[in-house]
Amino acid sequence: MKITFILPTLSLAGGIRSTSILAERMVKRGHQVLIVSTPNPTPSLRQQVRSLLKGHGWISTAKRPPSHFDNVDVPHRVIDHYRPITDADVPDADIVVATWWETAEWVANLSVVKGAKVYFIQGYESLFKYLPKEKVEATYSLPMHKITVSKPLVDWHQIHYGDSNISLVPNSVDTKQFYAPRRGKQAIPTIGMIYSKNDIKGCDISLKAFSLAAQNIPNLRLVAFSAQRPSSNLPLPPSTEYVCQPPQSSIKDIYAKCDAWLFGCRSQEGFGLPILEAMACRTPVIGTPVGAAPELLADGAGILVKPEAPDEMARAIERVCRFSDQEWRAMSDIAYAKAIDYTWDDATELFEAALDTAIERRQRGDLCGSDRQGEKR
């Protein structure tokens, strides 16, 4: 197959990671793959002035930001400036894949010769407070074959948007990148988390839980990493071991130095890839039941806590920290076994099958609305 992925500006976001892995693996399976993306939007004068006043300096767009497509062996085309991607930017192909609500609008307007149209949905974008809800929801009704990454996302689209033909391709973990030898508890009880100013990620919940647990475990230590610097509006505890933009090769070591990893995400999380990454590094996860967390943390692989309940998360932290070494190793082993059961080989096969389904649906006329839309130009 000839496959084109349409992406917004590339970054280190989890959805970009998943797309990069699938794209590269599709190339290895013999498919012809092209990535087409936009560059960074040009900052407005107001944004530049605001950045200067905050002491952050002039915002530069000359350098491409780091992304999960760095060092990925897939052809990549960046268009001339930030704008909708059109027919002139995209080759004729068998499949064209939208990966974000804006790209879904762009893909819907492409002509039929650009391929059967697929919408790869990795989150609850219509619930994101900073996005235009009505415009995002309108993309869910576009005549494209949908692929999602978790069973709750499949159910949500079936219930709210009446789409009964959705392909499920669960995220997986690269055990060559995320791994750790079998170990016991840390000498100093250590909890880890990803720092994010995005309200969806629930960083405030995890930080509050850590603070509550630290009142009963005085030597409790926090480890965190992120692609962004901490904000004064969401400060980290003073003694936090914090790493900003760690090399991808060293993230496994951050996971592996923790007794538990916190996943405080709110209901808008689509899958929760850090759960699998931490578990592959033999670190149990304490998380809210959103995305794939209920399935991933079942059977003793971690601890589920209620959403928006830092007190309950704090009690779970204390519980893990008071495990005997034998008890902790048992949970660590279960977490690791669950993580490695999710493979990118399986995900790639499912993704390939989903693309075949998209082509078959177009041939049957199931997605003919998309074709007619393209033929109007």
Protein backbone atom coordinates (compact mmCIF):
# COMPACT_ATOMS: atom_id res chain seq x y z
CA MET A 1 0.00 0.00 0.00
CA LYS A 2 0.92 3.64 -0.50
CA ILE A 3 0.11 5.37 2.80
CA THR A 4 0.26 9.08 3.68
CA PHE A 5 0.07 10.22 7.31
CA ILE A 6 -1.06 13.83 7.78
CA LEU A 7 0.21 15.35 11.02
CA PRO A 8 0.26 18.76 12.68
CA THR A 9 3.56 20.12 13.97
CA LEU A 10 5.68 17.20 15.17
CA SER A 11 6.54 16.99 18.87
CA LEU A 12 7.30 14.63 21.74
CA ALA A 13 3.61 14.00 22.47
CA GLY A 14 2.53 10.42 23.10
CA GLY A 15 0.27 10.34 20.05
CA ILE A 16 3.18 11.38 17.85
CA ARG A 17 5.25 8.54 19.34
CA SER A 18 2.60 5.96 18.49
CA THR A 19 2.21 7.27 14.95
CA SER A 20 5.97 7.28 14.37
CA ILE A 21 6.32 3.67 15.49
CA LEU A 22 3.42 2.47 13.35
CA ALA A 23 4.65 4.41 10.32
CA GLU A 24 8.16 2.97 10.59
CA ARG A 25 6.85 -0.55 11.08
CA MET A 26 4.56 -0.23 8.08
CA VAL A 27 7.64 0.66 6.01
CA LYS A 28 9.37 -2.46 7.31
CA ARG A 29 6.35 -4.51 6.23
CA GLY A 30 6.93 -3.35 2.66
CA HIS A 31 4.50 -0.44 2.42
CA GLN A 32 5.36 2.93 0.87
CA VAL A 33 4.85 5.52 3.61
CA LEU A 34 5.11 9.31 3.60
CA ILE A 35 4.69 11.73 6.50
CA VAL A 36 3.35 15.19 5.64
CA SER A 37 3.31 17.72 8.47
CA THR A 38 3.15 21.44 9.17
CA PRO A 39 5.94 23.59 10.62
CA ASN A 40 5.47 25.56 13.82
CA PRO A 41 2.84 28.31 13.58
CA THR A 42 4.46 31.75 13.40
CA PRO A 43 4.01 33.48 16.80
CA SER A 44 1.96 36.67 16.76
CA LEU A 45 3.49 39.96 17.87
CA ARG A 46 1.44 39.75 21.07
CA GLN A 47 2.84 36.27 21.81
CA GLN A 48 6.38 37.52 21.19
CA VAL A 49 5.90 40.50 23.51
CA ARG A 50 4.35 38.29 26.19
CA SER A 51 7.31 35.91 25.96
CA LEU A 52 9.77 38.80 26.31
CA LEU A 53 7.92 40.24 29.32
CA LYS A 54 8.00 36.84 31.04
CA GLY A 55 11.75 36.65 30.52
CA HIS A 56 11.55 33.75 28.07
CA GLY A 57 13.13 35.68 25.21
CA TRP A 58 12.14 35.91 21.56
CA ILE A 59 10.29 32.82 20.30
CA SER A 60 12.31 31.24 17.52
CA THR A 61 10.73 29.18 14.77
CA ALA A 62 13.89 28.66 12.78
CA LYS A 63 14.72 25.35 14.42
CA ARG A 64 12.43 22.33 14.19
CA PRO A 65 11.43 21.18 17.71
CA PRO A 66 12.46 17.67 18.78
CA SER A 67 9.93 14.97 18.00
CA HIS A 68 9.45 11.22 18.02
CA PHE A 69 10.09 11.22 14.28
CA ASP A 70 13.72 12.19 14.84
CA ASN A 71 15.89 9.27 13.69
CA VAL A 72 12.84 7.42 12.33
CA ASP A 73 13.53 6.03 8.86
CA VAL A 74 10.35 7.25 7.14
CA PRO A 75 10.20 9.87 4.35
CA HIS A 76 8.95 13.18 5.75
CA ARG A 77 7.72 16.32 4.00
CA VAL A 78 7.20 19.58 5.92
CA ILE A 79 5.04 22.09 4.03
CA ASP A 80 6.16 25.68 3.48
CA HIS A 81 4.25 27.33 6.34
CA TYR A 82 1.51 26.55 8.85
CA ARG A 83 -1.72 26.20 6.84
CA PRO A 84 -4.19 23.49 5.80
CA ILE A 85 -2.61 20.65 3.84
CA THR A 86 -4.08 20.39 0.33
CA ASP A 87 -3.97 18.13 -2.72
CA ALA A 88 -0.81 19.85 -3.93
CA ASP A 89 1.05 18.72 -0.79
CA VAL A 90 -0.01 15.06 -0.91
CA PRO A 91 0.81 12.31 -3.44
CA ASP A 92 -1.79 9.98 -4.87
CA ALA A 93 -1.99 6.93 -2.60
CA ASP A 94 -4.11 4.04 -1.37
CA ILE A 95 -4.61 5.45 2.14
CA VAL A 96 -4.43 8.91 3.70
CA VAL A 97 -4.51 9.06 7.51
CA ALA A 98 -5.64 12.02 9.61
CA THR A 99 -4.09 12.07 13.08
CA TRP A 100 -5.69 15.14 14.75
CA TRP A 101 -8.99 16.98 14.44
CA GLU A 102 -7.56 19.75 12.22
CA THR A 103 -5.88 17.22 9.97
CA ALA A 104 -9.23 15.42 9.71
CA GLU A 105 -10.73 18.59 8.24
CA TRP A 106 -7.85 18.78 5.77
CA VAL A 107 -8.06 15.11 4.81
CA ALA A 108 -11.82 15.39 4.25
CA ASN A 109 -11.13 18.03 1.62
CA LEU A 110 -8.57 15.94 -0.29
CA SER A 111 -9.58 14.40 -3.60
CA VAL A 112 -10.40 10.71 -3.89
CA VAL A 113 -7.11 9.89 -5.62
CA LYS A 114 -5.23 10.68 -2.41
CA GLY A 115 -6.51 7.45 -0.90
CA ALA A 116 -9.19 5.95 1.31
CA LYS A 117 -9.61 8.30 4.24
CA VAL A 118 -8.78 7.14 7.75
CA TYR A 119 -9.12 9.01 11.05
CA PHE A 120 -6.62 7.81 13.68
CA ILE A 121 -8.10 9.02 16.99
CA GLN A 122 -5.94 8.76 20.09
CA GLY A 123 -7.82 10.94 22.56
CA TYR A 124 -11.05 12.71 23.51
CA GLU A 125 -10.23 15.86 21.57
CA SER A 126 -13.78 17.23 21.73
CA LEU A 127 -13.45 17.38 25.53
CA PHE A 128 -10.21 19.38 25.48
CA LYS A 129 -11.10 22.77 26.95
CA TYR A 130 -8.71 24.66 24.70
CA LEU A 131 -10.18 23.26 21.45
CA PRO A 132 -13.36 24.37 19.60
CA LYS A 133 -15.78 21.66 20.72
CA GLU A 134 -18.30 21.99 17.88
CA LYS A 135 -15.63 21.92 15.16
CA VAL A 136 -13.92 18.91 16.71
CA GLU A 137 -17.21 17.03 17.08
CA ALA A 138 -18.02 17.76 13.43
CA THR A 139 -14.91 15.83 12.39
CA TYR A 140 -16.25 12.70 14.10
CA SER A 141 -19.12 12.64 11.59
CA LEU A 142 -16.85 12.84 8.55
CA PRO A 143 -17.07 9.77 6.28
CA MET A 144 -13.75 8.23 7.24
CA HIS A 145 -12.86 4.87 8.75
CA LYS A 146 -11.93 5.44 12.39
CA ILE A 147 -9.11 3.75 14.28
CA THR A 148 -8.80 4.24 18.04
CA VAL A 149 -6.33 3.07 20.66
CA SER A 150 -8.51 1.88 23.55
CA LYS A 151 -11.80 0.09 24.14
CA PRO A 152 -13.27 3.06 26.08
CA LEU A 153 -12.61 5.28 23.04
CA VAL A 154 -14.35 2.77 20.78
CA ASP A 155 -17.35 2.65 23.13
CA TRP A 156 -17.44 6.44 23.45
CA HIS A 157 -17.61 6.98 19.69
CA GLN A 158 -20.27 4.30 19.33
CA ILE A 159 -22.42 5.81 22.09
CA HIS A 160 -22.01 9.51 21.32
CA TYR A 161 -21.52 9.50 17.55
CA GLY A 162 -23.25 6.30 16.46
CA ASP A 163 -20.23 4.83 14.69
CA SER A 164 -20.42 1.05 14.96
CA ASN A 165 -17.53 0.25 12.60
CA ILE A 166 -14.35 1.31 14.40
CA SER A 167 -11.02 -0.51 14.42
CA LEU A 168 -9.22 -0.97 17.75
CA VAL A 169 -5.42 -0.79 17.67
CA PRO A 170 -4.15 -0.66 21.29
CA ASN A 171 -0.94 1.17 21.97
CA SER A 172 2.05 -0.97 22.85
CA VAL A 173 5.52 -0.58 24.29
CA ASP A 174 8.93 -0.93 22.70
CA THR A 175 10.75 -3.26 25.09
CA LYS A 176 14.05 -2.44 23.39
CA GLN A 177 13.63 1.15 24.59
CA PHE A 178 11.75 0.58 27.84
CA TYR A 179 13.17 -2.19 30.01
CA ALA A 180 14.89 -2.78 33.34
CA PRO A 181 16.41 -5.76 35.15
CA ARG A 182 14.44 -7.38 37.96
CA ARG A 183 15.01 -5.49 41.22
CA GLY A 184 13.75 -4.92 44.75
CA LYS A 185 12.36 -1.83 46.46
CA GLN A 186 14.36 1.38 46.49
CA ALA A 187 16.47 2.08 49.58
CA ILE A 188 14.63 5.43 49.83
CA PRO A 189 10.91 5.16 48.90
CA THR A 190 10.61 6.85 45.52
CA ILE A 191 7.59 7.91 43.49
CA GLY A 192 7.68 9.09 39.87
CA MET A 193 5.46 11.08 37.53
CA ILE A 194 5.43 13.04 34.29
CA TYR A 195 5.11 16.77 34.88
CA SER A 196 2.58 18.58 32.68
CA LYS A 197 0.81 21.92 32.81
CA ASN A 198 -1.98 20.43 30.69
CA ASP A 199 -5.02 20.10 32.95
CA ILE A 200 -5.98 16.83 31.26
CA LYS A 201 -2.88 15.08 32.63
CA GLY A 202 -3.92 15.66 36.25
CA CYS A 203 -0.46 16.65 37.41
CA ASP A 204 -2.04 18.71 40.20
CA ILE A 205 -3.77 15.57 41.49
CA SER A 206 -0.53 13.57 41.55
CA LEU A 207 1.39 16.39 43.27
CA LYS A 208 -1.30 16.76 45.93
CA ALA A 209 -1.28 13.00 46.51
CA PHE A 210 2.49 13.00 46.88
CA SER A 211 2.29 15.87 49.38
CA LEU A 212 -0.31 14.03 51.46
CA ALA A 213 1.66 10.77 51.42
CA ALA A 214 4.88 12.58 52.36
CA GLN A 215 3.23 13.64 55.64
CA ASN A 216 3.20 9.98 56.70
CA ILE A 217 6.37 8.88 54.90
CA PRO A 218 8.88 11.62 55.79
CA ASN A 219 11.70 10.42 53.52
CA LEU A 220 9.46 10.00 50.46
CA ARG A 221 11.22 11.14 47.29
CA LEU A 222 9.72 12.42 44.03
CA VAL A 223 11.22 11.94 40.57
CA ALA A 224 9.71 13.70 37.55
CA PHE A 225 10.45 14.51 33.94
CA SER A 226 8.85 16.54 31.18
CA ALA A 227 9.45 18.30 27.89
CA GLN A 228 8.58 21.61 29.60
CA ARG A 229 9.95 23.59 32.50
CA PRO A 230 7.91 23.71 35.73
CA SER A 231 5.56 26.63 36.21
CA SER A 232 5.25 28.73 39.36
CA ASN A 233 1.51 28.05 39.12
CA LEU A 234 2.17 24.32 39.43
CA PRO A 235 5.36 24.01 41.47
CA LEU A 236 7.21 20.81 42.20
CA PRO A 237 8.27 19.98 45.78
CA PRO A 238 11.67 21.57 46.50
CA SER A 239 13.52 18.25 46.78
CA THR A 240 12.17 16.82 43.50
CA GLU A 241 14.68 15.19 41.16
CA TYR A 242 13.51 16.79 37.92
CA VAL A 243 14.77 16.20 34.39
CA CYS A 244 13.71 18.50 31.55
CA GLN A 245 13.69 16.96 28.07
CA PRO A 246 15.63 13.82 28.99
CA PRO A 247 17.15 11.87 26.09
CA GLN A 248 14.71 9.19 24.98
CA SER A 249 17.32 6.55 25.80
CA SER A 250 17.43 7.58 29.46
CA ILE A 251 13.70 7.68 30.24
CA LYS A 252 13.76 3.99 31.13
CA ASP A 253 16.25 4.76 33.90
CA ILE A 254 13.89 7.35 35.37
CA TYR A 255 11.04 4.85 35.43
CA ALA A 256 13.30 2.17 36.90
CA LYS A 257 14.41 4.22 39.91
CA CYS A 258 10.85 4.40 41.24
CA ASP A 259 8.76 2.16 43.50
CA ALA A 260 5.55 3.41 41.86
CA TRP A 261 4.57 5.67 38.98
CA LEU A 262 1.64 8.09 39.26
CA PHE A 263 -0.95 8.43 36.51
CA GLY A 264 -3.42 11.09 37.65
CA CYS A 265 -5.04 11.78 34.29
CA ARG A 266 -8.56 13.04 34.00
CA SER A 267 -11.25 11.40 31.88
CA GLN A 268 -10.04 12.84 28.57
CA GLU A 269 -6.98 10.57 28.32
CA GLY A 270 -7.24 8.23 25.33
CA PHE A 271 -4.86 5.43 26.33
CA GLY A 272 -2.14 6.29 28.83
CA LEU A 273 1.08 5.16 27.17
CA PRO A 274 3.30 6.07 30.18
CA ILE A 275 1.50 3.30 32.11
CA LEU A 276 2.89 0.66 29.74
CA GLU A 277 6.32 2.31 29.64
CA ALA A 278 6.63 2.31 33.42
CA MET A 279 5.37 -1.25 33.72
CA ALA A 280 7.85 -2.43 31.06
CA CYS A 281 10.52 -0.98 33.36
CA ARG A 282 9.07 -3.13 36.18
CA THR A 283 7.52 -0.16 37.98
CA PRO A 284 3.94 -0.61 39.26
CA VAL A 285 1.51 2.21 38.46
CA ILE A 286 -1.01 3.97 40.66
CA GLY A 287 -3.55 5.44 38.28
CA THR A 288 -7.02 6.74 37.62
CA PRO A 289 -9.41 4.51 35.62
CA VAL A 290 -9.21 6.40 32.33
CA GLY A 291 -8.02 5.29 28.91
CA ALA A 292 -6.70 1.74 29.02
CA ALA A 293 -5.77 1.94 32.72
CA PRO A 294 -8.55 -0.38 33.99
CA GLU A 295 -7.31 -3.15 31.71
CA LEU A 296 -3.60 -2.47 32.16
CA LEU A 297 -3.70 -2.27 35.96
CA ALA A 298 -5.97 -5.28 36.47
CA ASP A 299 -4.91 -8.55 38.09
CA GLY A 300 -2.49 -6.94 40.54
CA ALA A 301 -0.36 -5.08 37.95
CA GLY A 302 -1.00 -1.78 39.73
CA ILE A 303 -3.56 0.11 41.78
CA LEU A 304 -6.60 1.94 40.42
CA VAL A 305 -7.86 4.98 42.33
CA LYS A 306 -10.85 7.23 41.80
CA PRO A 307 -10.46 10.27 39.53
CA GLU A 308 -9.96 13.61 41.25
CA ALA A 309 -9.15 11.84 44.54
CA PRO A 310 -5.62 12.77 45.69
CA ASP A 311 -6.35 11.43 49.17
CA GLU A 312 -7.05 7.96 47.76
CA MET A 313 -3.95 8.14 45.56
CA ALA A 314 -1.94 9.16 48.63
CA ARG A 315 -3.15 6.08 50.52
CA ALA A 316 -2.13 3.91 47.57
CA ILE A 317 1.35 5.51 47.61
CA GLU A 318 1.67 4.72 51.32
CA ARG A 319 0.49 1.17 50.72
CA VAL A 320 3.13 0.52 48.07
CA CYS A 321 5.86 2.13 50.17
CA ARG A 322 4.96 -0.15 53.09
CA PHE A 323 5.09 -3.32 51.01
CA SER A 324 7.68 -5.85 52.04
CA ASP A 325 10.37 -6.35 49.42
CA GLN A 326 8.72 -9.66 48.49
CA GLU A 327 5.30 -8.05 48.08
CA TRP A 328 6.75 -5.26 45.94
CA ARG A 329 8.64 -7.70 43.71
CA ALA A 330 5.43 -9.67 43.16
CA MET A 331 3.55 -6.59 41.93
CA SER A 332 6.55 -5.53 39.85
CA ASP A 333 6.67 -8.93 38.15
CA ILE A 334 2.94 -8.83 37.36
CA ALA A 335 3.27 -5.30 35.95
CA TYR A 336 6.15 -6.34 33.72
CA ALA A 337 4.35 -9.45 32.47
CA LYS A 338 1.26 -7.40 31.60
CA ALA A 339 3.31 -4.76 29.75
CA ILE A 340 5.22 -7.13 27.50
CA ASP A 341 1.95 -8.76 26.47
CA TYR A 342 1.28 -5.59 24.43
CA THR A 343 3.57 -5.69 21.40
CA TRP A 344 4.04 -3.36 18.45
CA ASP A 345 4.08 -6.42 16.19
CA ASP A 346 0.47 -7.10 17.19
CA ALA A 347 -0.45 -3.42 16.91
CA THR A 348 1.08 -3.16 13.44
CA GLU A 349 -0.89 -6.18 12.22
CA LEU A 350 -4.09 -4.66 13.59
CA PHE A 351 -3.30 -1.29 12.04
CA GLU A 352 -2.57 -2.86 8.66
CA ALA A 353 -5.86 -4.78 8.86
CA ALA A 354 -7.69 -1.55 9.72
CA LEU A 355 -6.28 0.14 6.61
CA ASP A 356 -7.44 -2.83 4.52
CA THR A 357 -10.88 -2.37 6.07
CA ALA A 358 -10.87 1.31 5.06
CA ILE A 359 -10.12 0.39 1.45
CA GLU A 360 -12.82 -2.31 1.45
CA ARG A 361 -15.38 0.10 2.94
CA ARG A 362 -14.66 2.68 0.26
CA GLN A 363 -14.97 0.05 -2.47
CA ARG A 364 -18.35 -1.01 -1.01
CA GLY A 365 -19.49 2.62 -0.92
CA ASP A 366 -19.57 2.87 2.91
CA LEU A 367 -17.29 5.91 2.75
CA CYS A 368 -18.63 7.34 -0.50
CA GLY A 369 -19.48 10.66 1.15
CA SER A 370 -15.77 11.29 1.45
CA ASP A 371 -15.25 10.44 -2.22
CA ARG A 372 -18.06 12.70 -3.40
CA GLN A 373 -16.66 15.53 -1.31
CA GLY A 374 -13.28 15.14 -3.01
CA GLU A 375 -14.85 14.96 -6.47
CA LYS A 376 -16.51 18.36 -6.06
CA ARG A 377 -13.20 20.11 -6.66
